[in-house]
Structure formats: C-alpha cells, structure tokens
Amino acid sequence: MPKASVKRLIKCDKSQLIDLVLDIEKYPTFVPYCIDAKIYEKKINDDFINIIADLTIGKGAFKDTYKSNVKFNKKNNSIYVTNIDGPLKHLDNKWIFEDHEKGTEIYFDVDFEIKNKFLNILMTTSFQYGLDKIADAFQDRANNLFKS
C-alpha cells in the first residue's frame, strides 16, 4: 500500500489554512490532477465539521472519482479523510495543523490502496513525489491567498 508523509511550515494563520483545506470544491483550480470536486453534504456542530465529497482525479483518458468522508476535529485541529466509494480499497489521510511562530506547521499523512493491484504497484513507486506536489500546491495557494 502506498504511504507517504509531508511536513511543511506555511506562512499563514492556522484557521486560514484549515479553511483552505476544507474548501474542497476549489481543489480543481490548484491541486495537480484534480479534475472535479463536489460536496454532497456538510454538517457543522460544536466539535466537528463533517463533509461527504467526491474528487475526480486523473489525466487525459485516465480518470476516476472517489467519494470520501472528511472530518475536521475542531478541538485538535486535525482533518481525517477516509474513502466511502470508488477505486480505492482504503484511504487514511490525516492533516494536523499546529501553530508556529512563523505561521502554521502542517503534517500530512496518506495511506491508501487502490483496488486495481497493477495501479497500486505503479502508485507505490512515485507516491512520495506526488504527495510532495500536492503539498506544494497547497503551500503555493496559501502563499498567494494570504500574503503577509
């Protein structure tokens, strides 16, 4: 199963960065290979924000859509994503946001398995590179939106 982690210091407020990550419908404008995004349900209460969303990922003729459950825990400033449906056998994706004197430190961990074993093997070889590109995209987006 492909697994990868990224740690970054981003020069913006923690709440701004959390809002950026939760703004799923904007992903196609800046996340590499994200073609479409749709939110089906969003529930907000005192401790959590829970979102059910689709992401369509791909390039050219190769694309697929997966449905995920995105849960933001307000008390510990974390976002946990699991798959509901689509080409993934499983997905565990966690974002942790921590205050830092120069902005916000993020920890982004992804562990997933694609149902198609051949694609799973291909993804394993280049996944850290892909995750770094995704983290770059979020960092660039934050830098452009929240210039100090």
N, C-alpha and C. Protein backbone atom coordinates (compact mmCIF):
# COMPACT_ATOMS: atom_id res chain seq x y z
N MET A 1 0.84 -1.18 0.00
CA MET A 1 0.00 0.00 0.00
C MET A 1 0.88 1.25 0.00
N PRO A 2 0.61 2.19 -0.87
CA PRO A 2 1.37 3.43 -0.86
C PRO A 2 1.12 4.23 0.42
N LYS A 3 2.21 4.68 1.03
CA LYS A 3 2.15 5.54 2.20
C LYS A 3 3.17 6.65 2.01
N ALA A 4 2.82 7.83 2.47
CA ALA A 4 3.77 8.94 2.41
C ALA A 4 3.36 10.00 3.42
N SER A 5 4.34 10.81 3.81
CA SER A 5 4.11 11.88 4.77
C SER A 5 4.84 13.13 4.32
N VAL A 6 4.26 14.26 4.66
CA VAL A 6 4.87 15.55 4.35
C VAL A 6 4.71 16.44 5.59
N LYS A 7 5.74 17.20 5.87
CA LYS A 7 5.69 18.20 6.94
C LYS A 7 6.11 19.52 6.32
N ARG A 8 5.33 20.57 6.54
CA ARG A 8 5.62 21.88 5.96
C ARG A 8 5.34 22.99 6.96
N LEU A 9 6.08 24.06 6.83
CA LEU A 9 5.79 25.30 7.55
C LEU A 9 5.25 26.27 6.51
N ILE A 10 4.02 26.73 6.73
CA ILE A 10 3.36 27.63 5.79
C ILE A 10 3.08 28.94 6.51
N LYS A 11 3.44 30.03 5.87
CA LYS A 11 3.34 31.36 6.49
C LYS A 11 1.93 31.91 6.39
N CYS A 12 1.02 31.34 7.17
CA CYS A 12 -0.33 31.88 7.28
C CYS A 12 -0.94 31.39 8.58
N ASP A 13 -2.04 31.97 8.95
CA ASP A 13 -2.75 31.62 10.17
C ASP A 13 -3.34 30.21 10.06
N LYS A 14 -3.35 29.50 11.17
CA LYS A 14 -3.86 28.12 11.19
C LYS A 14 -5.30 28.04 10.69
N SER A 15 -6.15 28.96 11.13
CA SER A 15 -7.56 28.90 10.70
C SER A 15 -7.70 29.13 9.20
N GLN A 16 -6.86 29.99 8.62
CA GLN A 16 -6.88 30.21 7.17
C GLN A 16 -6.50 28.94 6.43
N LEU A 17 -5.50 28.26 6.92
CA LEU A 17 -5.03 27.04 6.27
C LEU A 17 -6.06 25.92 6.39
N ILE A 18 -6.69 25.80 7.52
CA ILE A 18 -7.75 24.79 7.70
C ILE A 18 -8.90 25.09 6.74
N ASP A 19 -9.30 26.35 6.65
CA ASP A 19 -10.37 26.72 5.71
C ASP A 19 -9.98 26.38 4.27
N LEU A 20 -8.72 26.60 3.92
CA LEU A 20 -8.24 26.29 2.57
C LEU A 20 -8.37 24.80 2.28
N VAL A 21 -7.98 23.96 3.23
CA VAL A 21 -8.06 22.52 3.02
C VAL A 21 -9.52 22.05 2.97
N LEU A 22 -10.39 22.68 3.75
CA LEU A 22 -11.80 22.29 3.75
C LEU A 22 -12.58 22.85 2.56
N ASP A 23 -11.99 23.75 1.79
CA ASP A 23 -12.66 24.32 0.61
C ASP A 23 -12.46 23.39 -0.59
N ILE A 24 -12.99 22.20 -0.47
CA ILE A 24 -12.77 21.09 -1.39
C ILE A 24 -13.17 21.43 -2.82
N GLU A 25 -14.24 22.16 -2.99
CA GLU A 25 -14.72 22.46 -4.35
C GLU A 25 -13.76 23.33 -5.15
N LYS A 26 -12.79 23.95 -4.49
CA LYS A 26 -11.78 24.75 -5.20
C LYS A 26 -10.57 23.93 -5.62
N TYR A 27 -10.46 22.69 -5.18
CA TYR A 27 -9.29 21.86 -5.49
C TYR A 27 -8.96 21.81 -6.99
N PRO A 28 -9.95 21.70 -7.88
CA PRO A 28 -9.58 21.61 -9.31
C PRO A 28 -8.80 22.83 -9.81
N THR A 29 -8.88 23.96 -9.13
CA THR A 29 -8.17 25.16 -9.58
C THR A 29 -6.70 25.15 -9.20
N PHE A 30 -6.29 24.26 -8.26
CA PHE A 30 -4.88 24.31 -7.86
C PHE A 30 -4.24 22.96 -7.51
N VAL A 31 -4.99 21.92 -7.28
CA VAL A 31 -4.40 20.62 -6.92
C VAL A 31 -4.09 19.84 -8.20
N PRO A 32 -2.83 19.39 -8.34
CA PRO A 32 -2.45 18.64 -9.55
C PRO A 32 -3.34 17.40 -9.76
N TYR A 33 -3.76 17.22 -10.99
CA TYR A 33 -4.56 16.07 -11.43
C TYR A 33 -5.96 16.00 -10.83
N CYS A 34 -6.39 17.03 -10.12
CA CYS A 34 -7.77 17.08 -9.63
C CYS A 34 -8.61 17.77 -10.70
N ILE A 35 -9.51 17.00 -11.29
CA ILE A 35 -10.32 17.47 -12.41
C ILE A 35 -11.64 18.07 -11.95
N ASP A 36 -12.22 17.48 -10.89
CA ASP A 36 -13.52 17.94 -10.41
C ASP A 36 -13.65 17.63 -8.93
N ALA A 37 -14.50 18.40 -8.26
CA ALA A 37 -14.77 18.19 -6.84
C ALA A 37 -16.21 18.59 -6.57
N LYS A 38 -16.88 17.79 -5.77
CA LYS A 38 -18.28 18.07 -5.45
C LYS A 38 -18.55 17.71 -4.01
N ILE A 39 -19.18 18.63 -3.29
CA ILE A 39 -19.61 18.37 -1.91
C ILE A 39 -21.07 17.97 -1.93
N TYR A 40 -21.37 16.83 -1.31
CA TYR A 40 -22.75 16.34 -1.24
C TYR A 40 -23.43 16.73 0.07
N GLU A 41 -22.64 16.79 1.12
CA GLU A 41 -23.21 17.02 2.44
C GLU A 41 -22.17 17.70 3.31
N LYS A 42 -22.62 18.65 4.11
CA LYS A 42 -21.73 19.33 5.05
C LYS A 42 -22.50 19.56 6.34
N LYS A 43 -22.03 18.94 7.42
CA LYS A 43 -22.67 19.09 8.73
C LYS A 43 -21.68 19.74 9.68
N ILE A 44 -22.16 20.77 10.37
CA ILE A 44 -21.31 21.52 11.30
C ILE A 44 -21.92 21.44 12.68
N ASN A 45 -21.11 21.08 13.68
CA ASN A 45 -21.57 21.17 15.07
C ASN A 45 -20.44 21.76 15.91
N ASP A 46 -20.58 21.73 17.21
CA ASP A 46 -19.61 22.39 18.09
C ASP A 46 -18.19 21.83 17.97
N ASP A 47 -18.08 20.52 17.80
CA ASP A 47 -16.76 19.88 17.82
C ASP A 47 -16.22 19.46 16.46
N PHE A 48 -17.12 19.26 15.48
CA PHE A 48 -16.71 18.71 14.20
C PHE A 48 -17.38 19.41 13.02
N ILE A 49 -16.70 19.34 11.88
CA ILE A 49 -17.32 19.61 10.58
C ILE A 49 -17.15 18.31 9.81
N ASN A 50 -18.26 17.79 9.30
CA ASN A 50 -18.21 16.54 8.54
C ASN A 50 -18.69 16.81 7.11
N ILE A 51 -17.88 16.41 6.14
CA ILE A 51 -18.17 16.67 4.73
C ILE A 51 -18.11 15.35 3.96
N ILE A 52 -19.09 15.12 3.12
CA ILE A 52 -19.07 14.00 2.17
C ILE A 52 -18.83 14.62 0.80
N ALA A 53 -17.77 14.18 0.11
CA ALA A 53 -17.40 14.82 -1.15
C ALA A 53 -16.82 13.80 -2.14
N ASP A 54 -16.94 14.16 -3.41
CA ASP A 54 -16.31 13.42 -4.49
C ASP A 54 -15.12 14.21 -5.01
N LEU A 55 -14.05 13.51 -5.34
CA LEU A 55 -12.93 14.09 -6.08
C LEU A 55 -12.72 13.24 -7.32
N THR A 56 -12.58 13.90 -8.46
CA THR A 56 -12.23 13.20 -9.69
C THR A 56 -10.77 13.52 -9.97
N ILE A 57 -9.97 12.47 -10.05
CA ILE A 57 -8.53 12.60 -10.22
C ILE A 57 -8.15 11.91 -11.52
N GLY A 58 -7.21 12.49 -12.25
CA GLY A 58 -6.75 11.83 -13.46
C GLY A 58 -6.05 12.78 -14.41
N LYS A 59 -5.73 12.21 -15.57
CA LYS A 59 -5.09 12.98 -16.63
C LYS A 59 -5.45 12.32 -17.94
N GLY A 60 -5.88 13.13 -18.89
CA GLY A 60 -6.26 12.60 -20.19
C GLY A 60 -7.41 11.61 -20.08
N ALA A 61 -7.25 10.47 -20.71
CA ALA A 61 -8.31 9.45 -20.69
C ALA A 61 -8.38 8.70 -19.37
N PHE A 62 -7.36 8.83 -18.55
CA PHE A 62 -7.31 8.12 -17.27
C PHE A 62 -7.84 9.01 -16.15
N LYS A 63 -9.03 8.71 -15.70
CA LYS A 63 -9.59 9.47 -14.58
C LYS A 63 -10.56 8.58 -13.81
N ASP A 64 -10.71 8.90 -12.55
CA ASP A 64 -11.62 8.15 -11.70
C ASP A 64 -12.10 9.05 -10.57
N THR A 65 -13.27 8.72 -10.06
CA THR A 65 -13.88 9.51 -8.99
C THR A 65 -13.99 8.66 -7.74
N TYR A 66 -13.63 9.25 -6.62
CA TYR A 66 -13.83 8.55 -5.36
C TYR A 66 -14.57 9.46 -4.38
N LYS A 67 -15.40 8.83 -3.60
CA LYS A 67 -16.20 9.54 -2.58
C LYS A 67 -15.48 9.38 -1.24
N SER A 68 -15.41 10.47 -0.49
CA SER A 68 -14.73 10.41 0.80
C SER A 68 -15.52 11.11 1.89
N ASN A 69 -15.18 10.72 3.11
CA ASN A 69 -15.72 11.32 4.33
C ASN A 69 -14.60 12.16 4.92
N VAL A 70 -14.82 13.46 5.02
CA VAL A 70 -13.83 14.40 5.53
C VAL A 70 -14.33 14.92 6.87
N LYS A 71 -13.56 14.66 7.94
CA LYS A 71 -14.00 15.07 9.27
C LYS A 71 -12.95 15.98 9.89
N PHE A 72 -13.36 17.23 10.15
CA PHE A 72 -12.49 18.20 10.82
C PHE A 72 -12.82 18.21 12.30
N ASN A 73 -11.82 17.90 13.12
CA ASN A 73 -11.95 17.92 14.57
C ASN A 73 -11.46 19.28 15.06
N LYS A 74 -12.39 20.11 15.51
CA LYS A 74 -12.06 21.48 15.91
C LYS A 74 -11.18 21.53 17.16
N LYS A 75 -11.32 20.54 18.05
CA LYS A 75 -10.56 20.55 19.31
C LYS A 75 -9.08 20.28 19.10
N ASN A 76 -8.75 19.37 18.17
CA ASN A 76 -7.33 19.07 18.00
C ASN A 76 -6.78 19.53 16.64
N ASN A 77 -7.54 20.37 15.94
CA ASN A 77 -7.08 20.96 14.68
C ASN A 77 -6.56 19.90 13.70
N SER A 78 -7.37 18.88 13.48
CA SER A 78 -6.98 17.83 12.54
C SER A 78 -8.12 17.53 11.58
N ILE A 79 -7.75 17.07 10.41
CA ILE A 79 -8.71 16.64 9.40
C ILE A 79 -8.38 15.20 9.07
N TYR A 80 -9.39 14.34 9.13
CA TYR A 80 -9.20 12.92 8.85
C TYR A 80 -10.12 12.55 7.69
N VAL A 81 -9.54 11.94 6.65
CA VAL A 81 -10.28 11.59 5.44
C VAL A 81 -10.24 10.08 5.24
N THR A 82 -11.41 9.50 5.00
CA THR A 82 -11.50 8.08 4.65
C THR A 82 -12.34 7.94 3.39
N ASN A 83 -12.11 6.86 2.64
CA ASN A 83 -12.89 6.66 1.42
C ASN A 83 -14.22 5.99 1.75
N ILE A 84 -15.20 6.28 0.93
CA ILE A 84 -16.52 5.67 1.03
C ILE A 84 -16.77 4.77 -0.18
N ASP A 85 -16.37 5.27 -1.37
CA ASP A 85 -16.66 4.54 -2.60
C ASP A 85 -15.67 4.96 -3.67
N GLY A 86 -15.50 4.12 -4.66
CA GLY A 86 -14.64 4.45 -5.79
C GLY A 86 -13.53 3.44 -5.96
N PRO A 87 -12.43 3.86 -6.61
CA PRO A 87 -11.36 2.92 -6.98
C PRO A 87 -10.44 2.54 -5.81
N LEU A 88 -10.62 3.17 -4.67
CA LEU A 88 -9.74 2.90 -3.54
C LEU A 88 -10.29 1.78 -2.67
N LYS A 89 -9.40 0.87 -2.33
CA LYS A 89 -9.77 -0.18 -1.39
C LYS A 89 -9.83 0.41 0.02
N HIS A 90 -8.88 1.29 0.30
CA HIS A 90 -8.91 2.04 1.56
C HIS A 90 -8.11 3.32 1.43
N LEU A 91 -8.48 4.29 2.26
CA LEU A 91 -7.80 5.58 2.31
C LEU A 91 -7.81 6.06 3.75
N ASP A 92 -6.63 6.38 4.25
CA ASP A 92 -6.48 7.06 5.54
C ASP A 92 -5.59 8.27 5.26
N ASN A 93 -6.17 9.44 5.40
CA ASN A 93 -5.48 10.69 5.09
C ASN A 93 -5.67 11.59 6.31
N LYS A 94 -4.58 12.07 6.88
CA LYS A 94 -4.70 12.91 8.06
C LYS A 94 -3.87 14.18 7.90
N TRP A 95 -4.51 15.30 8.22
CA TRP A 95 -3.86 16.60 8.28
C TRP A 95 -3.83 17.02 9.75
N ILE A 96 -2.69 17.48 10.22
CA ILE A 96 -2.59 18.07 11.56
C ILE A 96 -2.01 19.47 11.38
N PHE A 97 -2.62 20.44 12.05
CA PHE A 97 -2.23 21.84 11.94
C PHE A 97 -1.77 22.33 13.32
N GLU A 98 -0.55 22.87 13.39
CA GLU A 98 -0.03 23.37 14.67
C GLU A 98 0.49 24.80 14.49
N ASP A 99 0.18 25.63 15.49
CA ASP A 99 0.70 26.99 15.47
C ASP A 99 2.22 26.97 15.55
N HIS A 100 2.82 27.91 14.84
CA HIS A 100 4.27 28.07 14.83
C HIS A 100 4.54 29.56 14.80
N GLU A 101 5.64 29.99 15.36
CA GLU A 101 5.94 31.43 15.41
C GLU A 101 6.01 32.07 14.03
N LYS A 102 6.26 31.28 13.00
CA LYS A 102 6.35 31.81 11.64
C LYS A 102 5.14 31.43 10.78
N GLY A 103 4.07 30.93 11.39
CA GLY A 103 2.89 30.55 10.63
C GLY A 103 2.23 29.31 11.19
N THR A 104 2.03 28.32 10.33
CA THR A 104 1.39 27.06 10.71
C THR A 104 2.22 25.90 10.20
N GLU A 105 2.47 24.95 11.07
CA GLU A 105 3.15 23.74 10.65
C GLU A 105 2.08 22.70 10.35
N ILE A 106 2.19 22.08 9.18
CA ILE A 106 1.24 21.02 8.82
C ILE A 106 1.97 19.69 8.72
N TYR A 107 1.23 18.67 9.09
CA TYR A 107 1.66 17.28 8.92
C TYR A 107 0.58 16.64 8.07
N PHE A 108 0.97 16.06 6.96
CA PHE A 108 0.02 15.48 6.02
C PHE A 108 0.46 14.04 5.75
N ASP A 109 -0.33 13.08 6.21
CA ASP A 109 -0.04 11.66 6.03
C ASP A 109 -1.11 11.02 5.18
N VAL A 110 -0.69 10.19 4.24
CA VAL A 110 -1.64 9.47 3.38
C VAL A 110 -1.22 8.01 3.31
N ASP A 111 -2.20 7.15 3.50
CA ASP A 111 -2.04 5.71 3.37
C ASP A 111 -3.25 5.22 2.58
N PHE A 112 -3.02 4.61 1.43
CA PHE A 112 -4.16 4.16 0.63
C PHE A 112 -3.81 2.90 -0.15
N GLU A 113 -4.84 2.26 -0.64
CA GLU A 113 -4.67 1.11 -1.51
C GLU A 113 -5.73 1.19 -2.60
N ILE A 114 -5.28 1.04 -3.84
CA ILE A 114 -6.18 1.04 -4.98
C ILE A 114 -6.66 -0.40 -5.20
N LYS A 115 -7.91 -0.55 -5.56
CA LYS A 115 -8.47 -1.88 -5.80
C LYS A 115 -7.71 -2.62 -6.90
N ASN A 116 -7.30 -1.89 -7.95
CA ASN A 116 -6.55 -2.47 -9.05
C ASN A 116 -5.09 -2.67 -8.61
N LYS A 117 -4.68 -3.92 -8.47
CA LYS A 117 -3.34 -4.24 -7.94
C LYS A 117 -2.21 -3.69 -8.81
N PHE A 118 -2.37 -3.71 -10.12
CA PHE A 118 -1.35 -3.18 -11.03
C PHE A 118 -1.16 -1.67 -10.80
N LEU A 119 -2.27 -0.93 -10.75
CA LEU A 119 -2.18 0.51 -10.49
C LEU A 119 -1.59 0.79 -9.11
N ASN A 120 -1.91 -0.06 -8.15
CA ASN A 120 -1.38 0.09 -6.81
C ASN A 120 0.15 0.00 -6.81
N ILE A 121 0.68 -0.96 -7.57
CA ILE A 121 2.13 -1.12 -7.68
C ILE A 121 2.76 0.11 -8.34
N LEU A 122 2.14 0.60 -9.41
CA LEU A 122 2.64 1.81 -10.08
C LEU A 122 2.65 3.01 -9.14
N MET A 123 1.58 3.18 -8.38
CA MET A 123 1.48 4.33 -7.48
C MET A 123 2.52 4.27 -6.35
N THR A 124 2.84 3.07 -5.90
CA THR A 124 3.79 2.92 -4.81
C THR A 124 5.15 3.52 -5.16
N THR A 125 5.56 3.39 -6.41
CA THR A 125 6.89 3.84 -6.81
C THR A 125 7.02 5.36 -6.88
N SER A 126 5.92 6.06 -7.09
CA SER A 126 6.03 7.52 -7.27
C SER A 126 5.16 8.32 -6.31
N PHE A 127 4.67 7.67 -5.28
CA PHE A 127 3.68 8.35 -4.46
C PHE A 127 4.25 9.50 -3.63
N GLN A 128 5.43 9.34 -3.05
CA GLN A 128 6.01 10.43 -2.25
C GLN A 128 6.19 11.68 -3.12
N TYR A 129 6.63 11.50 -4.35
CA TYR A 129 6.77 12.62 -5.28
C TYR A 129 5.41 13.30 -5.50
N GLY A 130 4.38 12.51 -5.71
CA GLY A 130 3.04 13.06 -5.93
C GLY A 130 2.52 13.79 -4.71
N LEU A 131 2.75 13.24 -3.54
CA LEU A 131 2.30 13.90 -2.31
C LEU A 131 3.05 15.22 -2.10
N ASP A 132 4.34 15.23 -2.41
CA ASP A 132 5.10 16.48 -2.33
C ASP A 132 4.51 17.54 -3.26
N LYS A 133 4.10 17.13 -4.47
CA LYS A 133 3.49 18.06 -5.43
C LYS A 133 2.16 18.61 -4.90
N ILE A 134 1.38 17.75 -4.25
CA ILE A 134 0.12 18.19 -3.66
C ILE A 134 0.39 19.19 -2.53
N ALA A 135 1.36 18.87 -1.67
CA ALA A 135 1.71 19.79 -0.58
C ALA A 135 2.21 21.12 -1.14
N ASP A 136 3.01 21.07 -2.22
CA ASP A 136 3.47 22.30 -2.89
C ASP A 136 2.28 23.13 -3.34
N ALA A 137 1.27 22.46 -3.91
CA ALA A 137 0.09 23.17 -4.42
C ALA A 137 -0.65 23.89 -3.30
N PHE A 138 -0.81 23.23 -2.16
CA PHE A 138 -1.48 23.87 -1.03
C PHE A 138 -0.64 25.02 -0.48
N GLN A 139 0.67 24.83 -0.41
CA GLN A 139 1.55 25.88 0.08
C GLN A 139 1.53 27.09 -0.86
N ASP A 140 1.61 26.86 -2.15
CA ASP A 140 1.55 27.96 -3.13
C ASP A 140 0.21 28.69 -3.05
N ARG A 141 -0.87 27.93 -2.93
CA ARG A 141 -2.22 28.53 -2.84
C ARG A 141 -2.29 29.41 -1.59
N ALA A 142 -1.82 28.90 -0.47
CA ALA A 142 -1.85 29.69 0.77
C ALA A 142 -0.99 30.95 0.63
N ASN A 143 0.20 30.82 0.05
CA ASN A 143 1.07 31.98 -0.14
C ASN A 143 0.41 33.03 -1.02
N ASN A 144 -0.33 32.60 -2.05
CA ASN A 144 -0.99 33.55 -2.94
C ASN A 144 -2.21 34.19 -2.30
N LEU A 145 -2.96 33.43 -1.51
CA LEU A 145 -4.18 33.96 -0.89
C LEU A 145 -3.91 34.81 0.35
N PHE A 146 -2.88 34.43 1.11
CA PHE A 146 -2.69 35.04 2.43
C PHE A 146 -1.34 35.72 2.55
N LYS A 147 -0.96 36.48 1.56
CA LYS A 147 0.31 37.20 1.58
C LYS A 147 0.35 38.13 2.79
N SER A 148 1.49 38.07 3.51
CA SER A 148 1.59 38.94 4.69
C SER A 148 2.10 40.31 4.36
